[in-house]
Amino acid sequence: MLLVDDTWTTGARVQPASHALKQAGADRVAAIVLGRHANPEFGPWEPILGKTKDRPYRQEVCAVHAD
């Protein structure tokens, strides 16, 4: 099942939507997010921002998992 969301900030909408799809019978759920907003003062973002702050944007590469 493919779940598309317009913006990811905390995951507060994608996670329950994914859960609902699984409860409805989906074996797997993949989420695609079209935009991401990060508040640098929100503590849980620190690990992600630390990995991505010096990397230029490249659409074909995941900024978090690219090495």
Protein backbone atom coordinates (compact mmCIF):
# COMPACT_ATOMS: atom_id res chain seq x y z
CA MET A 1 0.00 0.00 0.00
CA LEU A 2 1.37 3.42 -0.91
CA LEU A 3 0.60 6.33 1.38
CA VAL A 4 1.29 9.85 0.07
CA ASP A 5 1.50 12.84 2.42
CA ASP A 6 2.12 16.46 1.51
CA THR A 7 4.37 17.41 4.43
CA TRP A 8 6.32 15.56 7.14
CA THR A 9 7.05 17.42 10.33
CA THR A 10 6.63 14.95 13.20
CA GLY A 11 5.09 11.86 11.62
CA ALA A 12 1.90 12.46 13.58
CA ARG A 13 -0.27 11.88 10.52
CA VAL A 14 1.67 9.28 8.52
CA GLN A 15 2.09 6.89 11.44
CA PRO A 16 -1.61 6.60 12.41
CA ALA A 17 -2.64 6.49 8.74
CA SER A 18 -0.18 3.65 8.19
CA HIS A 19 -1.53 1.85 11.24
CA ALA A 20 -5.11 2.23 9.97
CA LEU A 21 -4.13 0.80 6.59
CA LYS A 22 -2.47 -2.18 8.27
CA GLN A 23 -5.54 -2.73 10.44
CA ALA A 24 -7.62 -2.69 7.25
CA GLY A 25 -5.52 -5.50 5.78
CA ALA A 26 -2.48 -3.95 4.11
CA ASP A 27 0.56 -6.24 4.42
CA ARG A 28 3.05 -3.39 4.04
CA VAL A 29 2.74 0.36 3.89
CA ALA A 30 5.27 2.67 2.26
CA ALA A 31 5.02 6.42 2.76
CA ILE A 32 6.16 9.03 0.29
CA VAL A 33 6.34 12.58 1.60
CA LEU A 34 6.48 15.50 -0.79
CA GLY A 35 7.97 18.02 1.63
CA ARG A 36 9.72 18.13 4.97
CA HIS A 37 9.97 20.96 7.47
CA ALA A 38 12.46 20.75 10.29
CA ASN A 39 12.53 22.89 13.39
CA PRO A 40 16.21 22.91 14.46
CA GLU A 41 15.16 23.57 18.05
CA PHE A 42 13.03 20.38 18.21
CA GLY A 43 15.34 17.88 19.92
CA PRO A 44 14.42 14.73 17.95
CA TRP A 45 15.48 16.45 14.71
CA GLU A 46 19.08 16.91 15.88
CA PRO A 47 20.43 13.56 14.54
CA ILE A 48 18.86 14.09 11.12
CA LEU A 49 19.89 17.73 10.83
CA GLY A 50 23.41 16.81 11.91
CA LYS A 51 23.67 14.35 9.01
CA THR A 52 22.15 16.60 6.37
CA LYS A 53 23.33 20.12 7.14
CA ASP A 54 26.46 19.98 4.96
CA ARG A 55 25.01 17.86 2.12
CA PRO A 56 23.68 19.54 -1.00
CA TYR A 57 20.18 18.54 -2.08
CA ARG A 58 20.15 15.70 -4.60
CA GLN A 59 16.77 14.30 -5.55
CA GLU A 60 18.14 10.85 -6.41
CA VAL A 61 19.89 10.35 -3.04
CA CYS A 62 18.43 10.03 0.45
CA ALA A 63 20.10 12.76 2.50
CA VAL A 64 19.91 10.75 5.72
CA HIS A 65 21.08 7.35 4.49
CA ALA A 66 23.55 8.29 1.74
CA ASP A 67 27.18 7.57 2.46
